[in-house]
């Protein structure tokens, strides 16, 4: 499931250039069950299956023996929301271990004793934590030094300062009567910057007013 996304575009180049070291661990490899099961019915009853504590704990222990400074993160709908600020924070850490939950959840003892923090990518439920893990890897990798050709590009992206990005235009200047705003071809860099800031504020106010409220608080 991870092979294609992690072997494409920016992530592939980052790995080839030694800027990113990505390793995928199959929890079944850490199961002591003869059938390599990693889940079981929940105590107390309930719908669905719960992931066992044992294979997850064994996997985390094995990783920490190799990378003691790693920060262990569980991907779960019950975690703190992931955002650009968090991506910046995690990009500065030497190593991350991402646990992908599945089924109806994981044994609570994993959260209590083996995880440093729990992160959610949104208020909805997916089949498992694999896609959320890919989201974190993509967002964080882009912020690593040397990954993007122009380091300034990550500064001007959406959410960089809790604003959505301003509108962008390229050639042709006039497409069937749809013209690029005159200010962008004026050559006046200060006025262009002012326009971009104003447009970013307008878009944020229209689409994500909650971000502006956060800035004021």
Protein backbone atom coordinates (compact mmCIF):
# COMPACT_ATOMS: atom_id res chain seq x y z
CA UNK A 1 0.00 0.00 0.00
CA UNK A 2 2.90 2.37 0.71
CA UNK A 3 5.09 1.34 -2.20
CA UNK A 4 3.57 3.54 -4.91
CA UNK A 5 3.11 6.83 -2.95
CA UNK A 6 6.55 6.55 -1.34
CA UNK A 7 8.20 5.79 -4.69
CA UNK A 8 6.93 8.82 -6.58
CA UNK A 9 7.70 12.51 -7.12
CA UNK A 10 9.10 14.51 -4.17
CA UNK A 11 9.22 11.54 -1.79
CA UNK A 12 11.12 9.43 -4.28
CA UNK A 13 13.68 12.16 -4.94
CA UNK A 14 14.11 12.82 -1.22
CA UNK A 15 14.82 9.14 -0.63
CA UNK A 16 17.21 8.86 -3.58
CA UNK A 17 19.14 11.91 -2.38
CA UNK A 18 19.41 10.59 1.17
CA UNK A 19 17.24 13.35 2.64
CA UNK A 20 14.58 10.92 3.83
CA UNK A 21 14.90 7.41 5.27
CA UNK A 22 11.54 5.60 5.10
CA UNK A 23 10.96 2.11 6.44
CA UNK A 24 7.70 0.15 6.55
CA UNK A 25 7.21 -2.48 9.26
CA UNK A 26 4.53 -5.19 9.01
CA UNK A 27 3.01 -5.79 12.45
CA UNK A 28 2.42 -9.43 11.55
CA UNK A 29 6.19 -9.88 11.68
CA UNK A 30 6.02 -9.06 15.40
CA UNK A 31 3.09 -11.33 16.26
CA UNK A 32 3.71 -14.43 18.40
CA UNK A 33 0.41 -15.92 17.26
CA UNK A 34 0.94 -19.00 15.06
CA UNK A 35 -1.42 -17.50 12.48
CA UNK A 36 0.30 -14.08 12.72
CA UNK A 37 -2.91 -12.44 13.90
CA UNK A 38 -2.66 -8.88 15.23
CA UNK A 39 -6.25 -8.38 16.38
CA UNK A 40 -8.89 -9.96 18.60
CA UNK A 41 -12.43 -9.46 19.92
CA UNK A 42 -12.72 -6.72 22.58
CA UNK A 43 -13.18 -7.57 26.25
CA UNK A 44 -16.64 -6.55 27.41
CA UNK A 45 -18.15 -7.13 23.98
CA UNK A 46 -18.72 -4.76 21.12
CA UNK A 47 -18.68 -4.63 17.34
CA UNK A 48 -15.52 -5.30 15.37
CA UNK A 49 -11.98 -6.26 16.28
CA UNK A 50 -9.29 -4.49 18.30
CA UNK A 51 -5.57 -4.51 17.52
CA UNK A 52 -3.48 -6.39 20.08
CA UNK A 53 -1.03 -4.60 22.32
CA UNK A 54 1.69 -7.26 21.96
CA UNK A 55 2.76 -6.95 18.27
CA UNK A 56 2.60 -3.14 18.41
CA UNK A 57 4.67 -3.00 21.60
CA UNK A 58 7.21 -5.46 20.17
CA UNK A 59 7.48 -3.43 16.95
CA UNK A 60 7.99 -0.14 18.82
CA UNK A 61 10.61 -1.73 21.07
CA UNK A 62 12.50 -3.08 18.05
CA UNK A 63 12.47 0.31 16.32
CA UNK A 64 13.64 2.13 19.45
CA UNK A 65 16.58 -0.23 19.83
CA UNK A 66 17.75 0.96 16.41
CA UNK A 67 16.57 4.59 16.71
CA UNK A 68 16.31 5.47 20.44
CA UNK A 69 15.40 9.13 19.82
CA UNK A 70 12.35 8.37 17.64
CA UNK A 71 9.00 9.97 18.54
CA UNK A 72 6.12 7.51 18.41
CA UNK A 73 2.84 8.77 16.93
CA UNK A 74 -0.46 6.94 16.67
CA UNK A 75 -2.70 7.92 13.73
CA UNK A 76 -6.26 7.92 15.03
CA UNK A 77 -9.54 9.88 14.70
CA UNK A 78 -9.25 10.53 18.44
CA UNK A 79 -5.96 12.40 18.18
CA UNK A 80 -5.11 16.11 18.10
CA UNK A 81 -5.74 17.73 14.69
CA UNK A 82 -2.81 17.79 12.28
CA UNK A 83 -1.98 21.15 10.69
CA UNK A 84 0.91 22.99 9.07
CA UNK A 85 2.28 24.20 12.40
CA UNK A 86 2.45 20.60 13.59
CA UNK A 87 4.11 19.56 10.34
CA UNK A 88 6.84 22.15 10.95
CA UNK A 89 7.29 20.94 14.52
CA UNK A 90 7.62 17.30 13.49
CA UNK A 91 9.95 18.12 10.58
CA UNK A 92 12.55 19.29 13.10
CA UNK A 93 12.68 15.95 14.92
CA UNK A 94 15.39 13.41 14.04
CA UNK A 95 13.02 10.45 13.69
CA UNK A 96 9.32 9.57 13.76
CA UNK A 97 7.57 6.22 14.20
CA UNK A 98 4.01 6.23 12.86
CA UNK A 99 1.54 3.60 14.03
CA UNK A 100 -1.37 2.90 11.72
CA UNK A 101 -4.46 1.89 13.65
CA UNK A 102 -7.12 -0.35 12.09
CA UNK A 103 -10.45 -2.03 12.72
CA UNK A 104 -12.31 -0.62 15.75
CA UNK A 105 -9.09 0.73 17.27
CA UNK A 106 -6.13 -0.47 19.27
CA UNK A 107 -5.68 -1.80 22.79
CA UNK A 108 -5.71 1.20 25.15
CA UNK A 109 -2.44 0.05 26.74
CA UNK A 110 -0.64 1.06 23.54
CA UNK A 111 -1.84 4.66 23.98
CA UNK A 112 -1.05 4.70 27.68
CA UNK A 113 2.43 3.19 27.64
CA UNK A 114 3.99 3.09 24.16
CA UNK A 115 2.85 6.22 22.30
CA UNK A 116 4.18 9.78 22.67
CA UNK A 117 1.23 11.45 21.00
CA UNK A 118 -1.90 10.78 18.97
CA UNK A 119 -2.69 12.67 15.75
CA UNK A 120 -5.81 12.92 13.57
CA UNK A 121 -5.93 14.28 10.00
CA UNK A 122 -9.62 15.17 10.26
CA UNK A 123 -12.99 14.60 11.86
CA UNK A 124 -13.93 11.50 9.89
CA UNK A 125 -13.23 7.78 10.02
CA UNK A 126 -11.10 5.77 7.59
CA UNK A 127 -10.52 2.02 7.42
CA UNK A 128 -7.03 2.40 8.80
CA UNK A 129 -4.19 4.77 9.59
CA UNK A 130 -2.17 4.07 6.45
CA UNK A 131 -3.49 7.01 4.42
CA UNK A 132 -3.16 9.42 7.38
CA UNK A 133 0.44 8.21 7.77
CA UNK A 134 1.07 9.00 4.10
CA UNK A 135 -0.40 12.48 4.64
CA UNK A 136 2.01 13.14 7.52
CA UNK A 137 5.00 11.82 5.58
CA UNK A 138 4.17 13.99 2.55
CA UNK A 139 3.52 17.17 4.57
CA UNK A 140 6.61 16.76 6.74
CA UNK A 141 9.02 15.70 3.98
CA UNK A 142 8.31 18.85 1.96
CA UNK A 143 9.64 20.89 4.88
CA UNK A 144 12.96 19.06 5.21
CA UNK A 145 15.98 21.14 4.14
CA UNK A 146 16.95 20.48 0.53
CA UNK A 147 13.79 18.60 -0.47
CA UNK A 148 12.19 21.44 -2.45
CA UNK A 149 14.26 23.29 -5.02
CA UNK A 150 13.25 26.73 -3.74
CA UNK A 151 13.16 26.93 0.08
CA UNK A 152 11.03 30.07 -0.13
CA UNK A 153 8.17 28.07 -1.65
CA UNK A 154 7.23 26.49 1.67
CA UNK A 155 7.09 29.94 3.29
CA UNK A 156 4.47 31.23 0.83
CA UNK A 157 2.19 28.18 0.78
CA UNK A 158 -1.31 27.97 2.25
CA UNK A 159 -1.38 27.88 6.06
CA UNK A 160 2.22 29.11 6.32
CA UNK A 161 0.99 32.04 8.41
CA UNK A 162 -2.55 30.75 9.03
CA UNK A 163 -3.76 32.24 5.74
CA UNK A 164 -4.86 30.51 2.55
CA UNK A 165 -2.63 31.15 -0.44
CA UNK A 166 -3.37 34.10 -2.74
CA UNK A 167 -4.51 33.46 -6.37
CA UNK A 168 -1.83 32.45 -8.86
CA UNK A 169 -1.72 33.11 -12.62
CA UNK A 170 0.57 32.21 -15.52
CA UNK A 171 0.66 32.52 -19.33
CA UNK A 172 -1.28 33.36 -21.40
CA UNK A 173 -1.98 36.82 -20.01
CA UNK A 174 -5.34 36.88 -21.83
CA UNK A 175 -7.25 33.63 -22.32
CA UNK A 176 -10.42 34.22 -24.35
CA UNK A 177 -11.09 37.47 -22.53
CA UNK A 178 -10.11 36.14 -19.10
CA UNK A 179 -7.22 38.40 -18.16
CA UNK A 180 -4.56 38.28 -15.48
CA UNK A 181 -4.99 41.10 -12.91
CA UNK A 182 -3.10 44.17 -14.14
CA UNK A 183 -1.21 44.59 -10.87
CA UNK A 184 0.66 41.29 -11.41
CA UNK A 185 2.26 42.52 -14.63
CA UNK A 186 2.93 46.05 -13.38
CA UNK A 187 6.48 45.33 -12.19
CA UNK A 188 5.79 47.13 -8.88
CA UNK A 189 6.86 44.46 -6.38
CA UNK A 190 5.59 46.26 -3.29
CA UNK A 191 2.13 46.71 -4.79
CA UNK A 192 2.14 43.08 -5.92
CA UNK A 193 2.98 41.91 -2.39
CA UNK A 194 0.26 44.12 -0.93
CA UNK A 195 -2.24 42.72 -3.45
CA UNK A 196 -1.24 39.14 -2.66
CA UNK A 197 -1.64 39.75 1.07
CA UNK A 198 -5.04 41.37 0.59
CA UNK A 199 -6.24 38.53 -1.65
CA UNK A 200 -5.03 35.92 0.85
CA UNK A 201 -6.96 37.67 3.62
CA UNK A 202 -10.10 37.89 1.47
CA UNK A 203 -9.97 34.21 0.53
CA UNK A 204 -9.33 33.13 4.10
CA UNK A 205 -12.21 35.27 5.37
CA UNK A 206 -14.52 33.73 2.77
CA UNK A 207 -13.45 30.07 2.99
CA UNK A 208 -11.81 29.60 6.41
CA UNK A 209 -12.86 32.44 8.75
CA UNK A 210 -11.86 30.22 11.67
CA UNK A 211 -8.20 30.82 10.76
CA UNK A 212 -8.64 34.59 11.10
CA UNK A 213 -10.34 34.13 14.47
CA UNK A 214 -7.38 32.02 15.60
CA UNK A 215 -5.00 34.81 14.60
CA UNK A 216 -6.94 37.31 16.70
CA UNK A 217 -7.09 35.13 19.81
